[in-house]
């Protein structure tokens, strides 16, 4: 067996079958080293330690050295793995072309657990570690608590595995967050968001986390009736995506579903009372009332504020 190190030489002796003193010797080598190819990431890297600069290329400006994986047969994320000479940072994480094809990112919602399918192949003779990082707090690194999930990919795997990760309630919303997936038979290397691994692949993506506001009027079941409003998702209750600069009152907090309650205070009792905008006066029949409402709209487009009141207490809200 040859060692392709560019140094070693090898001798082959060929003898006469009837007279071993009659022989000739051939010298082979040195055998040149085989070319090695590496896969790199492509998250944005400004070569500094800012909140939007990830360790991607070989330069280390305080953010770290980018991840690299030596490409070998039978170990990859998705269908394609291509090689680069260095990280290919880009603002949209598409700098290294079409090999970001293994991770299917669902909609991520604060306060929920996300299931993330990943297509992987491990036809080596060793188990491998698949690791996924998400920069939930958008601080430019992928090393904070709760930002990593992983699975062991046993040898012989060729298909889809599902990773789960809890999306924290304080995750940054509506902005691009860096995502990195690494696969390698070197478990320790794959569980770091930066640095070299001896084999496998790295894939980078961006994802946004969403947050939604729900209501909390009582909802005892399907349909409407006295003290039974359409509040929960199962009843097609109201839900609003939370965005910057558009809110009623000073506070808007996220929920994963309606928080129906008899006194309409279900989402007031979760340590953040966001029913803080409407000042309801005393109601009496025949009156034309003025109802002050504190609102903000800094979106650049007009918005509609609507109030509904169930005057006949039948569970149907009229405008």
C-alpha atoms as a PDB file:
ATOM      1  CA  UNK A   1       0.000   0.000   0.000  1.00  0.00           C
ATOM      2  CA  UNK A   2       1.331   3.417  -0.953  1.00  0.00           C
ATOM      3  CA  UNK A   3       1.566   6.366   1.396  1.00  0.00           C
ATOM      4  CA  UNK A   4       0.793   9.425  -0.728  1.00  0.00           C
ATOM      5  CA  UNK A   5       2.935  11.875   1.208  1.00  0.00           C
ATOM      6  CA  UNK A   6       5.167  13.238  -1.560  1.00  0.00           C
ATOM      7  CA  UNK A   7       8.300  11.857   0.173  1.00  0.00           C
ATOM      8  CA  UNK A   8       8.333   8.070   0.411  1.00  0.00           C
ATOM      9  CA  UNK A   9       9.724   5.861  -2.388  1.00  0.00           C
ATOM     10  CA  UNK A  10       9.037   2.178  -3.029  1.00  0.00           C
ATOM     11  CA  UNK A  11      11.144  -0.604  -4.557  1.00  0.00           C
ATOM     12  CA  UNK A  12       9.759  -3.516  -6.562  1.00  0.00           C
ATOM     13  CA  UNK A  13      12.022  -6.555  -7.112  1.00  0.00           C
ATOM     14  CA  UNK A  14      11.233  -8.850 -10.035  1.00  0.00           C
ATOM     15  CA  UNK A  15      13.004 -12.283  -9.941  1.00  0.00           C
ATOM     16  CA  UNK A  16      13.409 -15.074 -12.478  1.00  0.00           C
ATOM     17  CA  UNK A  17      11.176 -17.910 -11.346  1.00  0.00           C
ATOM     18  CA  UNK A  18      13.952 -20.490 -11.922  1.00  0.00           C
ATOM     19  CA  UNK A  19      16.940 -18.405 -10.868  1.00  0.00           C
ATOM     20  CA  UNK A  20      16.357 -15.952  -7.965  1.00  0.00           C
ATOM     21  CA  UNK A  21      19.838 -14.532  -8.491  1.00  0.00           C
ATOM     22  CA  UNK A  22      18.543 -13.108 -11.711  1.00  0.00           C
ATOM     23  CA  UNK A  23      16.445 -10.131 -10.830  1.00  0.00           C
ATOM     24  CA  UNK A  24      15.831  -6.502 -11.524  1.00  0.00           C
ATOM     25  CA  UNK A  25      14.594  -3.725  -9.199  1.00  0.00           C
ATOM     26  CA  UNK A  26      12.259  -0.861  -9.997  1.00  0.00           C
ATOM     27  CA  UNK A  27      12.046   2.225  -7.791  1.00  0.00           C
ATOM     28  CA  UNK A  28       8.729   4.086  -7.666  1.00  0.00           C
ATOM     29  CA  UNK A  29       7.878   7.339  -6.061  1.00  0.00           C
ATOM     30  CA  UNK A  30       7.758   9.584  -4.319  1.00  0.00           C
ATOM     31  CA  UNK A  31       3.971   9.414  -4.631  1.00  0.00           C
ATOM     32  CA  UNK A  32       2.444  12.892  -4.650  1.00  0.00           C
ATOM     33  CA  UNK A  33      -0.113  13.725  -2.031  1.00  0.00           C
ATOM     34  CA  UNK A  34      -3.709  13.560  -3.182  1.00  0.00           C
ATOM     35  CA  UNK A  35      -5.558  16.850  -3.463  1.00  0.00           C
ATOM     36  CA  UNK A  36      -7.808  17.707  -0.524  1.00  0.00           C
ATOM     37  CA  UNK A  37     -10.955  19.773  -0.861  1.00  0.00           C
ATOM     38  CA  UNK A  38     -12.768  21.639   1.888  1.00  0.00           C
ATOM     39  CA  UNK A  39     -16.261  22.971   2.431  1.00  0.00           C
ATOM     40  CA  UNK A  40     -16.654  26.354   4.150  1.00  0.00           C
ATOM     41  CA  UNK A  41     -19.590  28.397   5.444  1.00  0.00           C
ATOM     42  CA  UNK A  42     -21.100  31.619   4.120  1.00  0.00           C
ATOM     43  CA  UNK A  43     -22.710  33.540   6.967  1.00  0.00           C
ATOM     44  CA  UNK A  44     -21.836  37.240   6.892  1.00  0.00           C
ATOM     45  CA  UNK A  45     -18.381  37.930   8.319  1.00  0.00           C
ATOM     46  CA  UNK A  46     -17.131  41.502   8.649  1.00  0.00           C
ATOM     47  CA  UNK A  47     -13.898  40.278  10.250  1.00  0.00           C
ATOM     48  CA  UNK A  48     -14.843  41.911  13.538  1.00  0.00           C
ATOM     49  CA  UNK A  49     -16.705  41.028  16.708  1.00  0.00           C
ATOM     50  CA  UNK A  50     -19.932  42.901  15.904  1.00  0.00           C
ATOM     51  CA  UNK A  51     -23.430  41.564  16.476  1.00  0.00           C
ATOM     52  CA  UNK A  52     -23.966  40.673  12.808  1.00  0.00           C
ATOM     53  CA  UNK A  53     -20.519  39.283  12.034  1.00  0.00           C
ATOM     54  CA  UNK A  54     -20.088  35.516  12.336  1.00  0.00           C
ATOM     55  CA  UNK A  55     -16.915  33.391  12.222  1.00  0.00           C
ATOM     56  CA  UNK A  56     -16.997  32.319   8.556  1.00  0.00           C
ATOM     57  CA  UNK A  57     -13.727  32.962   6.746  1.00  0.00           C
ATOM     58  CA  UNK A  58     -10.181  32.120   7.734  1.00  0.00           C
ATOM     59  CA  UNK A  59      -9.466  35.659   8.976  1.00  0.00           C
ATOM     60  CA  UNK A  60     -10.047  36.189  12.682  1.00  0.00           C
ATOM     61  CA  UNK A  61     -10.936  39.750  13.616  1.00  0.00           C
ATOM     62  CA  UNK A  62     -12.173  38.732  17.050  1.00  0.00           C
ATOM     63  CA  UNK A  63     -15.155  36.741  15.857  1.00  0.00           C
ATOM     64  CA  UNK A  64     -13.192  33.507  15.373  1.00  0.00           C
ATOM     65  CA  UNK A  65     -11.993  31.353  12.477  1.00  0.00           C
ATOM     66  CA  UNK A  66     -14.623  30.036  10.108  1.00  0.00           C
ATOM     67  CA  UNK A  67     -15.651  26.375  10.036  1.00  0.00           C
ATOM     68  CA  UNK A  68     -14.128  24.095   7.408  1.00  0.00           C
ATOM     69  CA  UNK A  69     -14.684  20.417   6.618  1.00  0.00           C
ATOM     70  CA  UNK A  70     -12.544  18.144   4.471  1.00  0.00           C
ATOM     71  CA  UNK A  71     -14.843  16.644   1.857  1.00  0.00           C
ATOM     72  CA  UNK A  72     -14.862  12.838   1.806  1.00  0.00           C
ATOM     73  CA  UNK A  73     -17.151  10.381   0.038  1.00  0.00           C
ATOM     74  CA  UNK A  74     -20.336   9.357   1.835  1.00  0.00           C
ATOM     75  CA  UNK A  75     -20.547  12.078   4.499  1.00  0.00           C
ATOM     76  CA  UNK A  76     -22.669  15.145   3.748  1.00  0.00           C
ATOM     77  CA  UNK A  77     -25.695  17.285   4.549  1.00  0.00           C
ATOM     78  CA  UNK A  78     -28.256  17.279   1.740  1.00  0.00           C
ATOM     79  CA  UNK A  79     -27.612  16.149  -1.826  1.00  0.00           C
ATOM     80  CA  UNK A  80     -24.704  18.434  -2.757  1.00  0.00           C
ATOM     81  CA  UNK A  81     -21.432  19.444  -1.142  1.00  0.00           C
ATOM     82  CA  UNK A  82     -19.035  21.760  -2.970  1.00  0.00           C
ATOM     83  CA  UNK A  83     -15.567  22.996  -2.133  1.00  0.00           C
ATOM     84  CA  UNK A  84     -14.164  26.454  -1.487  1.00  0.00           C
ATOM     85  CA  UNK A  85     -10.717  27.783  -0.693  1.00  0.00           C
ATOM     86  CA  UNK A  86     -12.081  29.955   2.122  1.00  0.00           C
ATOM     87  CA  UNK A  87     -15.353  31.025   3.669  1.00  0.00           C
ATOM     88  CA  UNK A  88     -17.696  32.819   1.291  1.00  0.00           C
ATOM     89  CA  UNK A  89     -19.483  35.311   3.584  1.00  0.00           C
ATOM     90  CA  UNK A  90     -22.572  37.048   2.237  1.00  0.00           C
ATOM     91  CA  UNK A  91     -25.455  39.026   3.706  1.00  0.00           C
ATOM     92  CA  UNK A  92     -27.909  36.337   2.621  1.00  0.00           C
ATOM     93  CA  UNK A  93     -25.744  33.242   3.304  1.00  0.00           C
ATOM     94  CA  UNK A  94     -25.713  32.123  -0.337  1.00  0.00           C
ATOM     95  CA  UNK A  95     -22.077  32.900  -1.029  1.00  0.00           C
ATOM     96  CA  UNK A  96     -20.918  29.326  -1.605  1.00  0.00           C
ATOM     97  CA  UNK A  97     -23.587  28.416  -4.136  1.00  0.00           C
ATOM     98  CA  UNK A  98     -26.134  25.636  -4.212  1.00  0.00           C
ATOM     99  CA  UNK A  99     -24.994  23.228  -1.525  1.00  0.00           C
ATOM    100  CA  UNK A 100     -27.231  24.699   1.193  1.00  0.00           C
ATOM    101  CA  UNK A 101     -29.852  22.061   0.474  1.00  0.00           C
ATOM    102  CA  UNK A 102     -30.017  19.886   3.564  1.00  0.00           C
ATOM    103  CA  UNK A 103     -31.859  21.866   6.259  1.00  0.00           C
ATOM    104  CA  UNK A 104     -35.571  22.688   5.987  1.00  0.00           C
ATOM    105  CA  UNK A 105     -36.224  25.599   8.320  1.00  0.00           C
ATOM    106  CA  UNK A 106     -39.838  25.936   9.492  1.00  0.00           C
ATOM    107  CA  UNK A 107     -41.454  29.111  10.818  1.00  0.00           C
ATOM    108  CA  UNK A 108     -39.924  29.704  14.235  1.00  0.00           C
ATOM    109  CA  UNK A 109     -42.204  31.185  16.888  1.00  0.00           C
ATOM    110  CA  UNK A 110     -41.166  32.456  20.313  1.00  0.00           C
ATOM    111  CA  UNK A 111     -42.091  30.204  23.185  1.00  0.00           C
ATOM    112  CA  UNK A 112     -42.483  27.071  21.058  1.00  0.00           C
ATOM    113  CA  UNK A 113     -40.378  24.016  20.246  1.00  0.00           C
ATOM    114  CA  UNK A 114     -39.421  23.754  16.587  1.00  0.00           C
ATOM    115  CA  UNK A 115     -38.843  20.528  14.677  1.00  0.00           C
ATOM    116  CA  UNK A 116     -36.229  20.920  11.935  1.00  0.00           C
ATOM    117  CA  UNK A 117     -35.797  18.186   9.300  1.00  0.00           C
ATOM    118  CA  UNK A 118     -32.252  17.661   8.031  1.00  0.00           C
ATOM    119  CA  UNK A 119     -31.234  15.432   5.116  1.00  0.00           C
ATOM    120  CA  UNK A 120     -27.964  13.644   5.895  1.00  0.00           C
ATOM    121  CA  UNK A 121     -25.750  10.848   4.618  1.00  0.00           C
ATOM    122  CA  UNK A 122     -23.196   8.911   6.632  1.00  0.00           C
ATOM    123  CA  UNK A 123     -21.813   5.970   4.701  1.00  0.00           C
ATOM    124  CA  UNK A 124     -18.473   6.015   6.507  1.00  0.00           C
ATOM    125  CA  UNK A 125     -17.463   3.334   8.973  1.00  0.00           C
ATOM    126  CA  UNK A 126     -17.936   5.640  11.989  1.00  0.00           C
ATOM    127  CA  UNK A 127     -20.857   7.422  13.604  1.00  0.00           C
ATOM    128  CA  UNK A 128     -21.052  11.175  13.016  1.00  0.00           C
ATOM    129  CA  UNK A 129     -22.437  14.149  14.929  1.00  0.00           C
ATOM    130  CA  UNK A 130     -24.939  16.550  13.339  1.00  0.00           C
ATOM    131  CA  UNK A 131     -25.143  19.905  15.132  1.00  0.00           C
ATOM    132  CA  UNK A 132     -27.406  22.886  14.418  1.00  0.00           C
ATOM    133  CA  UNK A 133     -26.762  26.361  15.840  1.00  0.00           C
ATOM    134  CA  UNK A 134     -29.205  29.318  15.826  1.00  0.00           C
ATOM    135  CA  UNK A 135     -28.209  32.802  17.014  1.00  0.00           C
ATOM    136  CA  UNK A 136     -31.458  33.543  18.865  1.00  0.00           C
ATOM    137  CA  UNK A 137     -30.167  36.688  20.580  1.00  0.00           C
ATOM    138  CA  UNK A 138     -28.470  37.998  17.395  1.00  0.00           C
ATOM    139  CA  UNK A 139     -25.176  38.761  19.058  1.00  0.00           C
ATOM    140  CA  UNK A 140     -23.005  37.422  16.239  1.00  0.00           C
ATOM    141  CA  UNK A 141     -21.967  34.183  17.909  1.00  0.00           C
ATOM    142  CA  UNK A 142     -23.585  30.763  18.088  1.00  0.00           C
ATOM    143  CA  UNK A 143     -22.320  29.761  21.505  1.00  0.00           C
ATOM    144  CA  UNK A 144     -24.972  30.934  23.963  1.00  0.00           C
ATOM    145  CA  UNK A 145     -27.051  28.589  26.083  1.00  0.00           C
ATOM    146  CA  UNK A 146     -29.997  27.161  24.194  1.00  0.00           C
ATOM    147  CA  UNK A 147     -28.590  27.972  20.741  1.00  0.00           C
ATOM    148  CA  UNK A 148     -27.491  24.420  19.838  1.00  0.00           C
ATOM    149  CA  UNK A 149     -29.190  21.098  19.158  1.00  0.00           C
ATOM    150  CA  UNK A 150     -27.633  17.866  17.898  1.00  0.00           C
ATOM    151  CA  UNK A 151     -28.103  14.226  16.952  1.00  0.00           C
ATOM    152  CA  UNK A 152     -25.797  11.276  16.439  1.00  0.00           C
ATOM    153  CA  UNK A 153     -25.925  10.033  12.840  1.00  0.00           C
ATOM    154  CA  UNK A 154     -25.091   6.356  12.900  1.00  0.00           C
ATOM    155  CA  UNK A 155     -23.081   4.809  10.116  1.00  0.00           C
ATOM    156  CA  UNK A 156     -25.283   3.651   7.260  1.00  0.00           C
ATOM    157  CA  UNK A 157     -27.726   6.563   7.545  1.00  0.00           C
ATOM    158  CA  UNK A 158     -29.007   8.051   4.303  1.00  0.00           C
ATOM    159  CA  UNK A 159     -32.209  10.019   4.855  1.00  0.00           C
ATOM    160  CA  UNK A 160     -33.899  12.677   6.974  1.00  0.00           C
ATOM    161  CA  UNK A 161     -33.456  13.163  10.704  1.00  0.00           C
ATOM    162  CA  UNK A 162     -35.409  15.633  12.819  1.00  0.00           C
ATOM    163  CA  UNK A 163     -33.794  18.001  15.297  1.00  0.00           C
ATOM    164  CA  UNK A 164     -35.806  19.845  17.932  1.00  0.00           C
ATOM    165  CA  UNK A 165     -34.930  23.155  19.560  1.00  0.00           C
ATOM    166  CA  UNK A 166     -36.803  25.404  21.994  1.00  0.00           C
ATOM    167  CA  UNK A 167     -37.264  28.949  20.706  1.00  0.00           C
ATOM    168  CA  UNK A 168     -36.761  31.223  23.739  1.00  0.00           C
ATOM    169  CA  UNK A 169     -39.433  33.733  24.684  1.00  0.00           C
ATOM    170  CA  UNK A 170     -36.882  36.554  24.438  1.00  0.00           C
ATOM    171  CA  UNK A 171     -35.533  35.626  20.993  1.00  0.00           C
ATOM    172  CA  UNK A 172     -34.939  38.548  18.637  1.00  0.00           C
ATOM    173  CA  UNK A 173     -37.872  38.728  16.221  1.00  0.00           C
ATOM    174  CA  UNK A 174     -38.340  39.828  12.609  1.00  0.00           C
ATOM    175  CA  UNK A 175     -34.607  40.112  11.890  1.00  0.00           C
ATOM    176  CA  UNK A 176     -32.218  37.686  10.212  1.00  0.00           C
ATOM    177  CA  UNK A 177     -30.571  35.291  12.664  1.00  0.00           C
ATOM    178  CA  UNK A 178     -27.580  33.169  11.689  1.00  0.00           C
ATOM    179  CA  UNK A 179     -28.041  29.389  11.431  1.00  0.00           C
ATOM    180  CA  UNK A 180     -25.201  26.888  11.028  1.00  0.00           C
ATOM    181  CA  UNK A 181     -25.321  23.104  10.571  1.00  0.00           C
ATOM    182  CA  UNK A 182     -22.205  20.939  10.913  1.00  0.00           C
ATOM    183  CA  UNK A 183     -21.706  17.200  10.331  1.00  0.00           C
ATOM    184  CA  UNK A 184     -18.494  15.326  11.124  1.00  0.00           C
ATOM    185  CA  UNK A 185     -17.229  12.055  12.550  1.00  0.00           C
ATOM    186  CA  UNK A 186     -15.193  14.251  14.903  1.00  0.00           C
ATOM    187  CA  UNK A 187     -17.884  14.892  17.515  1.00  0.00           C
ATOM    188  CA  UNK A 188     -15.902  17.580  19.327  1.00  0.00           C
ATOM    189  CA  UNK A 189     -15.195  19.568  16.153  1.00  0.00           C
ATOM    190  CA  UNK A 190     -18.790  19.485  14.932  1.00  0.00           C
ATOM    191  CA  UNK A 191     -20.059  20.765  18.292  1.00  0.00           C
ATOM    192  CA  UNK A 192     -18.067  23.980  17.902  1.00  0.00           C
ATOM    193  CA  UNK A 193     -19.519  26.736  15.726  1.00  0.00           C
ATOM    194  CA  UNK A 194     -16.081  27.580  14.311  1.00  0.00           C
ATOM    195  CA  UNK A 195     -12.795  25.936  13.411  1.00  0.00           C
ATOM    196  CA  UNK A 196     -11.695  22.990  11.281  1.00  0.00           C
ATOM    197  CA  UNK A 197     -13.188  19.499  11.163  1.00  0.00           C
ATOM    198  CA  UNK A 198     -11.429  16.546   9.506  1.00  0.00           C
ATOM    199  CA  UNK A 199     -14.446  15.530   7.400  1.00  0.00           C
ATOM    200  CA  UNK A 200     -18.092  16.251   6.613  1.00  0.00           C
ATOM    201  CA  UNK A 201     -19.876  19.445   5.648  1.00  0.00           C
ATOM    202  CA  UNK A 202     -21.056  22.818   6.950  1.00  0.00           C
ATOM    203  CA  UNK A 203     -24.198  24.623   5.769  1.00  0.00           C
ATOM    204  CA  UNK A 204     -25.214  28.182   6.712  1.00  0.00           C
ATOM    205  CA  UNK A 205     -28.615  29.863   6.573  1.00  0.00           C
ATOM    206  CA  UNK A 206     -30.559  32.830   7.911  1.00  0.00           C
ATOM    207  CA  UNK A 207     -33.927  32.529   9.622  1.00  0.00           C
ATOM    208  CA  UNK A 208     -36.377  34.894  11.307  1.00  0.00           C
ATOM    209  CA  UNK A 209     -38.299  34.259  14.512  1.00  0.00           C
ATOM    210  CA  UNK A 210     -41.907  35.410  14.678  1.00  0.00           C
ATOM    211  CA  UNK A 211     -43.981  36.516  17.676  1.00  0.00           C
ATOM    212  CA  UNK A 212     -47.779  36.736  17.816  1.00  0.00           C
ATOM    213  CA  UNK A 213     -50.263  38.463  20.078  1.00  0.00           C
ATOM    214  CA  UNK A 214     -53.549  36.725  20.931  1.00  0.00           C
ATOM    215  CA  UNK A 215     -56.654  37.706  22.896  1.00  0.00           C
ATOM    216  CA  UNK A 216     -58.006  36.488  26.229  1.00  0.00           C
ATOM    217  CA  UNK A 217     -61.803  36.788  26.228  1.00  0.00           C
ATOM    218  CA  UNK A 218     -63.489  33.642  27.573  1.00  0.00           C
ATOM    219  CA  UNK A 219     -63.763  30.834  25.020  1.00  0.00           C
ATOM    220  CA  UNK A 220     -65.479  27.722  26.345  1.00  0.00           C
ATOM    221  CA  UNK A 221     -65.830  25.879  23.059  1.00  0.00           C
ATOM    222  CA  UNK A 222     -66.891  25.862  19.428  1.00  0.00           C
ATOM    223  CA  UNK A 223     -69.132  28.697  18.277  1.00  0.00           C
ATOM    224  CA  UNK A 224     -70.319  31.729  20.232  1.00  0.00           C
ATOM    225  CA  UNK A 225     -72.739  32.198  23.100  1.00  0.00           C
ATOM    226  CA  UNK A 226     -72.945  34.119  26.336  1.00  0.00           C
ATOM    227  CA  UNK A 227     -69.394  34.429  27.682  1.00  0.00           C
ATOM    228  CA  UNK A 228     -68.133  32.246  24.838  1.00  0.00           C
ATOM    229  CA  UNK A 229     -66.087  34.233  22.333  1.00  0.00           C
ATOM    230  CA  UNK A 230     -63.795  33.202  19.511  1.00  0.00           C
ATOM    231  CA  UNK A 231     -60.425  33.580  21.230  1.00  0.00           C
ATOM    232  CA  UNK A 232     -58.388  30.396  20.913  1.00  0.00           C
ATOM    233  CA  UNK A 233     -56.728  29.353  17.650  1.00  0.00           C
ATOM    234  CA  UNK A 234     -59.105  26.389  17.466  1.00  0.00           C
ATOM    235  CA  UNK A 235     -61.983  28.895  17.347  1.00  0.00           C
ATOM    236  CA  UNK A 236     -60.237  31.035  14.710  1.00  0.00           C
ATOM    237  CA  UNK A 237     -59.486  33.650  17.336  1.00  0.00           C
ATOM    238  CA  UNK A 238     -57.685  36.896  16.514  1.00  0.00           C
ATOM    239  CA  UNK A 239     -53.926  36.803  16.126  1.00  0.00           C
ATOM    240  CA  UNK A 240     -51.500  39.597  15.185  1.00  0.00           C
ATOM    241  CA  UNK A 241     -47.871  39.311  14.212  1.00  0.00           C
ATOM    242  CA  UNK A 242     -45.850  41.562  16.499  1.00  0.00           C
ATOM    243  CA  UNK A 243     -43.689  44.054  14.602  1.00  0.00           C
ATOM    244  CA  UNK A 244     -41.669  47.035  15.699  1.00  0.00           C
ATOM    245  CA  UNK A 245     -43.491  50.365  15.908  1.00  0.00           C
ATOM    246  CA  UNK A 246     -47.102  49.124  15.749  1.00  0.00           C
ATOM    247  CA  UNK A 247     -48.965  48.538  18.986  1.00  0.00           C
ATOM    248  CA  UNK A 248     -51.833  49.456  21.263  1.00  0.00           C
ATOM    249  CA  UNK A 249     -50.545  50.912  24.534  1.00  0.00           C
ATOM    250  CA  UNK A 250     -47.027  50.703  25.880  1.00  0.00           C
ATOM    251  CA  UNK A 251     -46.633  46.917  25.952  1.00  0.00           C
ATOM    252  CA  UNK A 252     -47.312  44.081  23.546  1.00  0.00           C
ATOM    253  CA  UNK A 253     -46.359  40.572  24.609  1.00  0.00           C
ATOM    254  CA  UNK A 254     -46.347  37.317  22.662  1.00  0.00           C
ATOM    255  CA  UNK A 255     -48.406  34.202  23.246  1.00  0.00           C
ATOM    256  CA  UNK A 256     -48.470  30.890  21.435  1.00  0.00           C
ATOM    257  CA  UNK A 257     -52.293  30.776  21.521  1.00  0.00           C
ATOM    258  CA  UNK A 258     -55.236  32.640  22.982  1.00  0.00           C
ATOM    259  CA  UNK A 259     -55.215  32.739  26.784  1.00  0.00           C
ATOM    260  CA  UNK A 260     -58.965  32.688  27.348  1.00  0.00           C
ATOM    261  CA  UNK A 261     -60.170  33.455  30.855  1.00  0.00           C
ATOM    262  CA  UNK A 262     -63.456  34.369  32.524  1.00  0.00           C
ATOM    263  CA  UNK A 263     -62.315  37.923  33.278  1.00  0.00           C
ATOM    264  CA  UNK A 264     -60.335  38.456  30.056  1.00  0.00           C
ATOM    265  CA  UNK A 265     -57.106  38.715  31.991  1.00  0.00           C
ATOM    266  CA  UNK A 266     -55.423  35.517  30.858  1.00  0.00           C
ATOM    267  CA  UNK A 267     -52.527  37.248  29.162  1.00  0.00           C
ATOM    268  CA  UNK A 268     -52.345  39.947  31.840  1.00  0.00           C
ATOM    269  CA  UNK A 269     -51.296  37.379  34.419  1.00  0.00           C
ATOM    270  CA  UNK A 270     -48.198  36.147  32.582  1.00  0.00           C
ATOM    271  CA  UNK A 271     -45.896  38.759  34.160  1.00  0.00           C
ATOM    272  CA  UNK A 272     -46.519  41.222  31.321  1.00  0.00           C
ATOM    273  CA  UNK A 273     -49.875  43.051  31.296  1.00  0.00           C
ATOM    274  CA  UNK A 274     -50.340  44.289  27.745  1.00  0.00           C
ATOM    275  CA  UNK A 275     -53.976  45.369  28.169  1.00  0.00           C
ATOM    276  CA  UNK A 276     -52.784  48.876  28.973  1.00  0.00           C
ATOM    277  CA  UNK A 277     -54.142  51.130  26.213  1.00  0.00           C
ATOM    278  CA  UNK A 278     -57.925  51.450  26.382  1.00  0.00           C
ATOM    279  CA  UNK A 279     -59.481  53.703  29.024  1.00  0.00           C
ATOM    280  CA  UNK A 280     -63.078  52.532  29.314  1.00  0.00           C
ATOM    281  CA  UNK A 281     -65.500  55.124  30.752  1.00  0.00           C
ATOM    282  CA  UNK A 282     -68.777  54.355  32.519  1.00  0.00           C
ATOM    283  CA  UNK A 283     -71.254  53.038  29.943  1.00  0.00           C
ATOM    284  CA  UNK A 284     -74.913  54.015  30.128  1.00  0.00           C
ATOM    285  CA  UNK A 285     -77.746  53.692  27.634  1.00  0.00           C
ATOM    286  CA  UNK A 286     -78.270  56.438  25.111  1.00  0.00           C
ATOM    287  CA  UNK A 287     -74.828  57.971  25.602  1.00  0.00           C
ATOM    288  CA  UNK A 288     -72.302  58.826  22.928  1.00  0.00           C
ATOM    289  CA  UNK A 289     -69.069  57.932  24.635  1.00  0.00           C
ATOM    290  CA  UNK A 290     -65.505  58.955  23.870  1.00  0.00           C
ATOM    291  CA  UNK A 291     -63.016  56.150  24.499  1.00  0.00           C
ATOM    292  CA  UNK A 292     -59.337  57.151  24.641  1.00  0.00           C
ATOM    293  CA  UNK A 293     -56.917  54.605  23.170  1.00  0.00           C
ATOM    294  CA  UNK A 294     -53.132  54.886  23.284  1.00  0.00           C
ATOM    295  CA  UNK A 295     -51.633  53.690  19.990  1.00  0.00           C
ATOM    296  CA  UNK A 296     -48.370  53.760  18.061  1.00  0.00           C
ATOM    297  CA  UNK A 297     -47.871  53.437  14.318  1.00  0.00           C
ATOM    298  CA  UNK A 298     -44.319  54.090  13.145  1.00  0.00           C
ATOM    299  CA  UNK A 299     -44.466  51.660  10.244  1.00  0.00           C
ATOM    300  CA  UNK A 300     -44.689  54.207   7.425  1.00  0.00           C
ATOM    301  CA  UNK A 301     -48.130  52.992   6.294  1.00  0.00           C
ATOM    302  CA  UNK A 302     -51.581  53.769   7.675  1.00  0.00           C
ATOM    303  CA  UNK A 303     -53.221  51.321  10.059  1.00  0.00           C
ATOM    304  CA  UNK A 304     -56.833  50.726  11.162  1.00  0.00           C
ATOM    305  CA  UNK A 305     -57.829  50.725  14.831  1.00  0.00           C
ATOM    306  CA  UNK A 306     -61.126  48.938  15.489  1.00  0.00           C
ATOM    307  CA  UNK A 307     -63.048  48.315  18.707  1.00  0.00           C
ATOM    308  CA  UNK A 308     -65.820  45.746  19.153  1.00  0.00           C
ATOM    309  CA  UNK A 309     -68.322  45.623  22.036  1.00  0.00           C
ATOM    310  CA  UNK A 310     -70.778  42.784  22.713  1.00  0.00           C
ATOM    311  CA  UNK A 311     -73.741  44.886  23.827  1.00  0.00           C
ATOM    312  CA  UNK A 312     -76.265  42.019  23.871  1.00  0.00           C
ATOM    313  CA  UNK A 313     -73.897  39.520  25.521  1.00  0.00           C
ATOM    314  CA  UNK A 314     -74.398  36.809  22.903  1.00  0.00           C
ATOM    315  CA  UNK A 315     -70.697  36.163  22.273  1.00  0.00           C
ATOM    316  CA  UNK A 316     -70.736  38.012  18.945  1.00  0.00           C
ATOM    317  CA  UNK A 317     -68.681  41.209  18.878  1.00  0.00           C
ATOM    318  CA  UNK A 318     -70.160  44.151  16.971  1.00  0.00           C
ATOM    319  CA  UNK A 319     -68.207  47.122  15.723  1.00  0.00           C
END
